[in-house]
Amino acid sequence: MLPITIYNEFTNYANFALAASLSIALGLMTWAVLFVAIPGVLLGPFDLEPSVQDTAVRLLAISAAFQIFDAMA
C-alpha cells in the first residue's frame, strides 16, 4: 500500500469520529438549553400536579447544568 493511501484511511476515520463526537456534544448542549429555556413546555405532556411540576423544573435546571459540563468533558 502506498503511504498516502494509509494516511487517507486514517484521516477519513478521524473525520468520522470528530463529526460523531461533535454531533453528540451539540445535541447534549441543545437539550441543556431547552431544559433551561422552556422547562414547562417539556413537562407539559406529563400532566403533573403543580408541586411535582415545580420540583421537576428545578431538577431540569440541575440536569441542564450537568449536560453542559458533561458535554465539555
C-alpha atoms as a PDB file:
ATOM      1  CA  MET A   1       0.000   0.000   0.000  1.00  0.00           C
ATOM      2  CA  LEU A   2       1.090   3.497  -0.642  1.00  0.00           C
ATOM      3  CA  PRO A   3       1.731   5.705   2.391  1.00  0.00           C
ATOM      4  CA  ILE A   4      -0.712   8.308   1.099  1.00  0.00           C
ATOM      5  CA  THR A   5      -3.480   5.664   0.960  1.00  0.00           C
ATOM      6  CA  ILE A   6      -2.832   4.714   4.569  1.00  0.00           C
ATOM      7  CA  TYR A   7      -2.843   8.398   5.552  1.00  0.00           C
ATOM      8  CA  ASN A   8      -6.152   8.964   3.768  1.00  0.00           C
ATOM      9  CA  GLU A   9      -7.749   5.983   5.504  1.00  0.00           C
ATOM     10  CA  PHE A  10      -6.703   7.259   8.941  1.00  0.00           C
ATOM     11  CA  THR A  11      -7.864  10.818   8.275  1.00  0.00           C
ATOM     12  CA  ASN A  12     -11.231   9.582   6.973  1.00  0.00           C
ATOM     13  CA  TYR A  13     -11.781   7.638  10.199  1.00  0.00           C
ATOM     14  CA  ALA A  14     -10.615  10.626  12.242  1.00  0.00           C
ATOM     15  CA  ASN A  15     -13.047  12.923  10.422  1.00  0.00           C
ATOM     16  CA  PHE A  16     -15.886  10.469  11.075  1.00  0.00           C
ATOM     17  CA  ALA A  17     -15.017  10.264  14.776  1.00  0.00           C
ATOM     18  CA  LEU A  18     -14.780  14.051  15.043  1.00  0.00           C
ATOM     19  CA  ALA A  19     -18.132  14.544  13.324  1.00  0.00           C
ATOM     20  CA  ALA A  20     -19.780  11.949  15.558  1.00  0.00           C
ATOM     21  CA  SER A  21     -18.390  13.438  18.756  1.00  0.00           C
ATOM     22  CA  LEU A  22     -19.347  16.970  17.734  1.00  0.00           C
ATOM     23  CA  SER A  23     -22.888  15.941  16.882  1.00  0.00           C
ATOM     24  CA  ILE A  24     -23.298  14.190  20.233  1.00  0.00           C
ATOM     25  CA  ALA A  25     -21.863  17.148  22.157  1.00  0.00           C
ATOM     26  CA  LEU A  26     -24.002  19.680  20.308  1.00  0.00           C
ATOM     27  CA  GLY A  27     -27.083  17.530  20.806  1.00  0.00           C
ATOM     28  CA  LEU A  28     -26.479  17.369  24.552  1.00  0.00           C
ATOM     29  CA  MET A  29     -25.932  21.111  24.743  1.00  0.00           C
ATOM     30  CA  THR A  30     -29.142  21.703  22.774  1.00  0.00           C
ATOM     31  CA  TRP A  31     -31.116  19.648  25.291  1.00  0.00           C
ATOM     32  CA  ALA A  32     -29.470  21.583  28.121  1.00  0.00           C
ATOM     33  CA  VAL A  33     -30.573  24.885  26.578  1.00  0.00           C
ATOM     34  CA  LEU A  34     -34.104  23.530  26.153  1.00  0.00           C
ATOM     35  CA  PHE A  35     -34.179  22.369  29.781  1.00  0.00           C
ATOM     36  CA  VAL A  36     -33.325  25.893  30.928  1.00  0.00           C
ATOM     37  CA  ALA A  37     -35.320  27.891  28.370  1.00  0.00           C
ATOM     38  CA  ILE A  38     -38.657  26.073  28.259  1.00  0.00           C
ATOM     39  CA  PRO A  39     -39.000  23.544  31.089  1.00  0.00           C
ATOM     40  CA  GLY A  40     -42.785  23.955  31.289  1.00  0.00           C
ATOM     41  CA  VAL A  41     -43.218  23.005  27.634  1.00  0.00           C
ATOM     42  CA  LEU A  42     -41.046  19.926  28.061  1.00  0.00           C
ATOM     43  CA  LEU A  43     -43.047  18.841  31.114  1.00  0.00           C
ATOM     44  CA  GLY A  44     -46.450  19.772  29.679  1.00  0.00           C
ATOM     45  CA  PRO A  45     -47.379  16.381  28.202  1.00  0.00           C
ATOM     46  CA  PHE A  46     -46.941  14.642  31.573  1.00  0.00           C
ATOM     47  CA  ASP A  47     -49.918  16.330  33.320  1.00  0.00           C
ATOM     48  CA  LEU A  48     -48.197  16.723  36.686  1.00  0.00           C
ATOM     49  CA  GLU A  49     -49.509  18.241  39.884  1.00  0.00           C
ATOM     50  CA  PRO A  50     -48.257  21.825  40.425  1.00  0.00           C
ATOM     51  CA  SER A  51     -45.953  20.878  43.321  1.00  0.00           C
ATOM     52  CA  VAL A  52     -44.467  17.993  41.336  1.00  0.00           C
ATOM     53  CA  GLN A  53     -44.021  20.223  38.290  1.00  0.00           C
ATOM     54  CA  ASP A  54     -42.177  22.848  40.382  1.00  0.00           C
ATOM     55  CA  THR A  55     -39.816  20.163  41.646  1.00  0.00           C
ATOM     56  CA  ALA A  56     -39.355  18.820  38.113  1.00  0.00           C
ATOM     57  CA  VAL A  57     -38.455  22.293  36.820  1.00  0.00           C
ATOM     58  CA  ARG A  58     -35.756  22.606  39.496  1.00  0.00           C
ATOM     59  CA  LEU A  59     -34.447  19.151  38.637  1.00  0.00           C
ATOM     60  CA  LEU A  60     -34.365  20.059  34.947  1.00  0.00           C
ATOM     61  CA  ALA A  61     -32.168  23.053  35.784  1.00  0.00           C
ATOM     62  CA  ILE A  62     -29.763  20.760  37.626  1.00  0.00           C
ATOM     63  CA  SER A  63     -29.731  18.286  34.756  1.00  0.00           C
ATOM     64  CA  ALA A  64     -29.135  21.132  32.282  1.00  0.00           C
ATOM     65  CA  ALA A  65     -26.026  22.179  34.197  1.00  0.00           C
ATOM     66  CA  PHE A  66     -24.881  18.574  34.232  1.00  0.00           C
ATOM     67  CA  GLN A  67     -25.473  18.258  30.471  1.00  0.00           C
ATOM     68  CA  ILE A  68     -23.287  21.282  29.716  1.00  0.00           C
ATOM     69  CA  PHE A  69     -20.392  20.122  31.876  1.00  0.00           C
ATOM     70  CA  ASP A  70     -20.746  16.548  30.648  1.00  0.00           C
ATOM     71  CA  ALA A  71     -20.606  17.698  27.029  1.00  0.00           C
ATOM     72  CA  MET A  72     -17.428  19.685  27.683  1.00  0.00           C
ATOM     73  CA  ALA A  73     -15.656  16.750  29.347  1.00  0.00           C
END
